[in-house]
Amino acid sequence: MANIQYYDVIQRPVITEKSMGMMAAKEYTFYVHTEANKAMIKEAVERMFPGTKVERVNTLNIQGKKKRRGTSVGLSAKKKKAMVKLTPESKEIEIFSGL
């Protein structure tokens, strides 16, 4: 397993209609490093966003889609998605506040 630091774990937030609806319940969705585990994701969220306390982390592996260009066939990169639920007394994550 690679040496992954906490600032390498979270790659970008997932901005979809469903993920925006989940923000009312303090549940946020991120694309994360494919080798990151739940403990690493929890630590990264709590260190990158001060005042947050993570209650639980759910992860989902997304396989690469089959892509074709002419006669050659390949796969796009695989991804990993994490749904992070914060505790009720936790601060909200500010990058989502203007959306």
N, C-alpha and C. Protein backbone atom coordinates (compact mmCIF):
# COMPACT_ATOMS: atom_id res chain seq x y z
N MET A 1 0.84 -1.17 0.00
CA MET A 1 0.00 0.00 0.00
C MET A 1 0.89 1.24 0.00
N ALA A 2 0.47 2.25 -0.73
CA ALA A 2 1.25 3.47 -0.86
C ALA A 2 1.22 4.27 0.44
N ASN A 3 2.21 5.12 0.62
CA ASN A 3 2.27 5.99 1.78
C ASN A 3 1.39 7.21 1.49
N ILE A 4 0.15 7.19 1.98
CA ILE A 4 -0.82 8.23 1.68
C ILE A 4 -0.94 9.16 2.89
N GLN A 5 -0.71 10.45 2.67
CA GLN A 5 -0.88 11.45 3.72
C GLN A 5 -2.34 11.90 3.76
N TYR A 6 -2.75 12.54 4.85
CA TYR A 6 -4.15 12.91 5.00
C TYR A 6 -4.61 13.91 3.93
N TYR A 7 -3.73 14.76 3.44
CA TYR A 7 -4.11 15.73 2.41
C TYR A 7 -4.20 15.12 1.02
N ASP A 8 -3.74 13.89 0.84
CA ASP A 8 -3.87 13.18 -0.43
C ASP A 8 -5.12 12.33 -0.50
N VAL A 9 -5.79 12.12 0.62
CA VAL A 9 -6.92 11.19 0.66
C VAL A 9 -8.13 11.76 -0.08
N ILE A 10 -8.55 12.98 0.26
CA ILE A 10 -9.73 13.58 -0.37
C ILE A 10 -9.31 14.26 -1.66
N GLN A 11 -9.91 13.84 -2.78
CA GLN A 11 -9.54 14.41 -4.07
C GLN A 11 -10.46 15.56 -4.46
N ARG A 12 -11.78 15.37 -4.39
CA ARG A 12 -12.71 16.44 -4.73
C ARG A 12 -14.10 16.07 -4.22
N PRO A 13 -14.96 17.08 -4.01
CA PRO A 13 -16.33 16.76 -3.59
C PRO A 13 -17.16 16.30 -4.78
N VAL A 14 -18.20 15.54 -4.49
CA VAL A 14 -19.15 15.10 -5.51
C VAL A 14 -20.32 16.08 -5.48
N ILE A 15 -20.55 16.76 -6.60
CA ILE A 15 -21.62 17.76 -6.68
C ILE A 15 -22.72 17.20 -7.58
N THR A 16 -23.70 16.57 -6.96
CA THR A 16 -24.87 16.07 -7.68
C THR A 16 -26.12 16.48 -6.92
N GLU A 17 -27.26 16.28 -7.54
CA GLU A 17 -28.51 16.64 -6.89
C GLU A 17 -28.74 15.80 -5.63
N LYS A 18 -28.41 14.53 -5.69
CA LYS A 18 -28.59 13.66 -4.54
C LYS A 18 -27.64 14.04 -3.40
N SER A 19 -26.38 14.33 -3.73
CA SER A 19 -25.43 14.70 -2.67
C SER A 19 -25.78 16.05 -2.04
N MET A 20 -26.36 16.96 -2.82
CA MET A 20 -26.80 18.24 -2.25
C MET A 20 -27.98 18.03 -1.29
N GLY A 21 -28.85 17.09 -1.59
CA GLY A 21 -29.96 16.78 -0.70
C GLY A 21 -29.51 16.14 0.60
N MET A 22 -28.41 15.39 0.54
CA MET A 22 -27.89 14.72 1.73
C MET A 22 -27.20 15.70 2.68
N MET A 23 -26.86 16.89 2.19
CA MET A 23 -26.17 17.87 3.04
C MET A 23 -27.05 18.37 4.17
N ALA A 24 -28.36 18.34 4.01
CA ALA A 24 -29.27 18.78 5.08
C ALA A 24 -29.12 17.89 6.32
N ALA A 25 -28.76 16.64 6.11
CA ALA A 25 -28.56 15.69 7.22
C ALA A 25 -27.08 15.61 7.62
N LYS A 26 -26.27 16.59 7.19
CA LYS A 26 -24.82 16.63 7.46
C LYS A 26 -24.11 15.39 6.94
N GLU A 27 -24.46 15.00 5.73
CA GLU A 27 -23.80 13.88 5.07
C GLU A 27 -23.19 14.40 3.77
N TYR A 28 -21.87 14.27 3.65
CA TYR A 28 -21.14 14.84 2.53
C TYR A 28 -20.48 13.72 1.72
N THR A 29 -20.34 13.95 0.40
CA THR A 29 -19.81 12.94 -0.49
C THR A 29 -18.54 13.46 -1.15
N PHE A 30 -17.49 12.63 -1.17
CA PHE A 30 -16.21 12.99 -1.76
C PHE A 30 -15.70 11.84 -2.63
N TYR A 31 -14.92 12.20 -3.68
CA TYR A 31 -14.09 11.21 -4.35
C TYR A 31 -12.80 11.14 -3.55
N VAL A 32 -12.34 9.94 -3.24
CA VAL A 32 -11.15 9.76 -2.41
C VAL A 32 -10.14 8.88 -3.13
N HIS A 33 -8.95 8.80 -2.57
CA HIS A 33 -7.88 7.95 -3.11
C HIS A 33 -8.37 6.50 -3.12
N THR A 34 -8.04 5.77 -4.16
CA THR A 34 -8.56 4.41 -4.30
C THR A 34 -8.03 3.44 -3.25
N GLU A 35 -6.88 3.75 -2.63
CA GLU A 35 -6.33 2.86 -1.61
C GLU A 35 -6.61 3.33 -0.19
N ALA A 36 -7.40 4.39 -0.03
CA ALA A 36 -7.71 4.90 1.30
C ALA A 36 -8.77 4.04 1.97
N ASN A 37 -8.61 3.81 3.28
CA ASN A 37 -9.62 3.06 4.02
C ASN A 37 -10.47 4.03 4.84
N LYS A 38 -11.46 3.51 5.56
CA LYS A 38 -12.40 4.36 6.28
C LYS A 38 -11.72 5.17 7.39
N ALA A 39 -10.75 4.59 8.07
CA ALA A 39 -10.04 5.31 9.12
C ALA A 39 -9.24 6.47 8.55
N MET A 40 -8.63 6.27 7.40
CA MET A 40 -7.86 7.34 6.76
C MET A 40 -8.78 8.47 6.30
N ILE A 41 -9.95 8.13 5.79
CA ILE A 41 -10.91 9.13 5.32
C ILE A 41 -11.42 9.94 6.51
N LYS A 42 -11.73 9.26 7.60
CA LYS A 42 -12.21 9.95 8.81
C LYS A 42 -11.16 10.93 9.31
N GLU A 43 -9.91 10.49 9.40
CA GLU A 43 -8.83 11.36 9.86
C GLU A 43 -8.65 12.56 8.93
N ALA A 44 -8.72 12.33 7.62
CA ALA A 44 -8.52 13.40 6.66
C ALA A 44 -9.60 14.47 6.77
N VAL A 45 -10.86 14.07 6.93
CA VAL A 45 -11.95 15.03 7.05
C VAL A 45 -11.81 15.84 8.33
N GLU A 46 -11.50 15.18 9.44
CA GLU A 46 -11.38 15.89 10.71
C GLU A 46 -10.18 16.82 10.75
N ARG A 47 -9.11 16.50 10.02
CA ARG A 47 -7.93 17.38 10.01
C ARG A 47 -8.04 18.49 8.99
N MET A 48 -8.68 18.24 7.85
CA MET A 48 -8.78 19.25 6.80
C MET A 48 -9.87 20.28 7.08
N PHE A 49 -10.90 19.90 7.79
CA PHE A 49 -12.00 20.81 8.10
C PHE A 49 -12.12 20.92 9.62
N PRO A 50 -11.47 21.92 10.23
CA PRO A 50 -11.47 22.05 11.70
C PRO A 50 -12.88 22.22 12.25
N GLY A 51 -13.14 21.60 13.38
CA GLY A 51 -14.44 21.68 14.04
C GLY A 51 -15.41 20.60 13.62
N THR A 52 -15.00 19.73 12.69
CA THR A 52 -15.88 18.64 12.27
C THR A 52 -15.56 17.39 13.06
N LYS A 53 -16.57 16.59 13.31
CA LYS A 53 -16.42 15.30 14.00
C LYS A 53 -17.20 14.28 13.19
N VAL A 54 -16.52 13.26 12.70
CA VAL A 54 -17.13 12.26 11.83
C VAL A 54 -17.81 11.18 12.65
N GLU A 55 -19.07 10.88 12.31
CA GLU A 55 -19.81 9.81 12.97
C GLU A 55 -19.57 8.48 12.28
N ARG A 56 -19.67 8.47 10.93
CA ARG A 56 -19.44 7.23 10.18
C ARG A 56 -18.99 7.56 8.76
N VAL A 57 -18.38 6.56 8.12
CA VAL A 57 -17.92 6.69 6.74
C VAL A 57 -18.38 5.46 5.98
N ASN A 58 -19.04 5.67 4.85
CA ASN A 58 -19.41 4.59 3.93
C ASN A 58 -18.62 4.79 2.64
N THR A 59 -18.09 3.71 2.08
CA THR A 59 -17.31 3.81 0.85
C THR A 59 -17.92 2.98 -0.25
N LEU A 60 -17.58 3.36 -1.50
CA LEU A 60 -18.13 2.70 -2.67
C LEU A 60 -17.05 2.70 -3.74
N ASN A 61 -16.68 1.52 -4.26
CA ASN A 61 -15.71 1.42 -5.34
C ASN A 61 -16.45 1.48 -6.67
N ILE A 62 -15.96 2.33 -7.58
CA ILE A 62 -16.57 2.49 -8.90
C ILE A 62 -15.58 1.98 -9.93
N GLN A 63 -15.95 0.95 -10.67
CA GLN A 63 -15.08 0.40 -11.69
C GLN A 63 -15.00 1.34 -12.88
N GLY A 64 -13.89 1.26 -13.64
CA GLY A 64 -13.72 2.10 -14.82
C GLY A 64 -14.67 1.68 -15.94
N LYS A 65 -15.10 2.67 -16.71
CA LYS A 65 -16.01 2.39 -17.83
C LYS A 65 -15.21 1.96 -19.05
N LYS A 66 -15.82 1.11 -19.86
CA LYS A 66 -15.17 0.65 -21.07
C LYS A 66 -15.21 1.77 -22.11
N LYS A 67 -14.05 2.15 -22.62
CA LYS A 67 -13.93 3.21 -23.62
C LYS A 67 -13.35 2.62 -24.89
N ARG A 68 -13.75 3.16 -26.01
CA ARG A 68 -13.31 2.64 -27.29
C ARG A 68 -12.91 3.79 -28.19
N ARG A 69 -11.78 3.64 -28.86
CA ARG A 69 -11.34 4.61 -29.85
C ARG A 69 -10.86 3.83 -31.06
N GLY A 70 -11.70 3.78 -32.07
CA GLY A 70 -11.38 2.97 -33.25
C GLY A 70 -11.49 1.49 -32.90
N THR A 71 -10.42 0.76 -33.15
CA THR A 71 -10.44 -0.67 -32.87
C THR A 71 -9.88 -1.01 -31.49
N SER A 72 -9.25 -0.03 -30.85
CA SER A 72 -8.67 -0.32 -29.54
C SER A 72 -9.69 -0.04 -28.43
N VAL A 73 -9.70 -0.92 -27.43
CA VAL A 73 -10.64 -0.83 -26.32
C VAL A 73 -9.83 -0.74 -25.03
N GLY A 74 -10.26 0.12 -24.13
CA GLY A 74 -9.59 0.25 -22.85
C GLY A 74 -10.58 0.62 -21.77
N LEU A 75 -10.09 0.90 -20.57
CA LEU A 75 -10.93 1.28 -19.45
C LEU A 75 -10.51 2.64 -18.93
N SER A 76 -11.49 3.43 -18.50
CA SER A 76 -11.17 4.67 -17.82
C SER A 76 -10.74 4.32 -16.39
N ALA A 77 -10.21 5.28 -15.68
CA ALA A 77 -9.68 5.03 -14.35
C ALA A 77 -10.80 4.68 -13.37
N LYS A 78 -10.50 3.77 -12.42
CA LYS A 78 -11.47 3.45 -11.39
C LYS A 78 -11.45 4.54 -10.33
N LYS A 79 -12.55 4.67 -9.58
CA LYS A 79 -12.69 5.71 -8.56
C LYS A 79 -13.20 5.09 -7.27
N LYS A 80 -13.10 5.86 -6.21
CA LYS A 80 -13.66 5.46 -4.93
C LYS A 80 -14.41 6.66 -4.37
N LYS A 81 -15.62 6.42 -3.91
CA LYS A 81 -16.47 7.47 -3.38
C LYS A 81 -16.70 7.21 -1.90
N ALA A 82 -16.70 8.28 -1.10
CA ALA A 82 -16.93 8.16 0.34
C ALA A 82 -18.07 9.08 0.74
N MET A 83 -19.04 8.53 1.48
CA MET A 83 -20.12 9.30 2.06
C MET A 83 -19.80 9.45 3.55
N VAL A 84 -19.61 10.70 3.99
CA VAL A 84 -19.18 11.00 5.35
C VAL A 84 -20.33 11.63 6.11
N LYS A 85 -20.73 11.01 7.22
CA LYS A 85 -21.80 11.53 8.08
C LYS A 85 -21.15 12.19 9.29
N LEU A 86 -21.51 13.47 9.53
CA LEU A 86 -20.97 14.20 10.68
C LEU A 86 -21.92 14.09 11.86
N THR A 87 -21.38 14.28 13.07
CA THR A 87 -22.21 14.25 14.28
C THR A 87 -23.08 15.50 14.32
N PRO A 88 -24.21 15.48 15.04
CA PRO A 88 -25.11 16.63 15.09
C PRO A 88 -24.47 17.90 15.66
N GLU A 89 -23.54 17.77 16.62
CA GLU A 89 -22.91 18.95 17.20
C GLU A 89 -21.71 19.45 16.41
N SER A 90 -21.37 18.78 15.32
CA SER A 90 -20.22 19.14 14.50
C SER A 90 -20.51 20.38 13.64
N LYS A 91 -19.44 21.11 13.30
CA LYS A 91 -19.58 22.22 12.37
C LYS A 91 -19.82 21.68 10.97
N GLU A 92 -20.50 22.49 10.12
CA GLU A 92 -20.69 22.08 8.73
C GLU A 92 -19.41 22.35 7.94
N ILE A 93 -19.25 21.65 6.84
CA ILE A 93 -18.08 21.85 5.98
C ILE A 93 -18.34 23.06 5.11
N GLU A 94 -17.44 24.04 5.13
CA GLU A 94 -17.68 25.34 4.53
C GLU A 94 -17.59 25.35 3.01
N ILE A 95 -16.92 24.39 2.38
CA ILE A 95 -16.83 24.43 0.94
C ILE A 95 -18.19 24.19 0.28
N PHE A 96 -19.12 23.61 1.01
CA PHE A 96 -20.44 23.35 0.49
C PHE A 96 -21.44 24.45 0.83
N SER A 97 -21.05 25.44 1.62
CA SER A 97 -22.02 26.42 2.13
C SER A 97 -22.54 27.35 1.03
N GLY A 98 -21.76 27.64 0.00
CA GLY A 98 -22.20 28.56 -1.05
C GLY A 98 -22.94 27.88 -2.19
N LEU A 99 -23.12 26.59 -2.13
CA LEU A 99 -23.74 25.87 -3.25
C LEU A 99 -25.23 25.74 -3.07
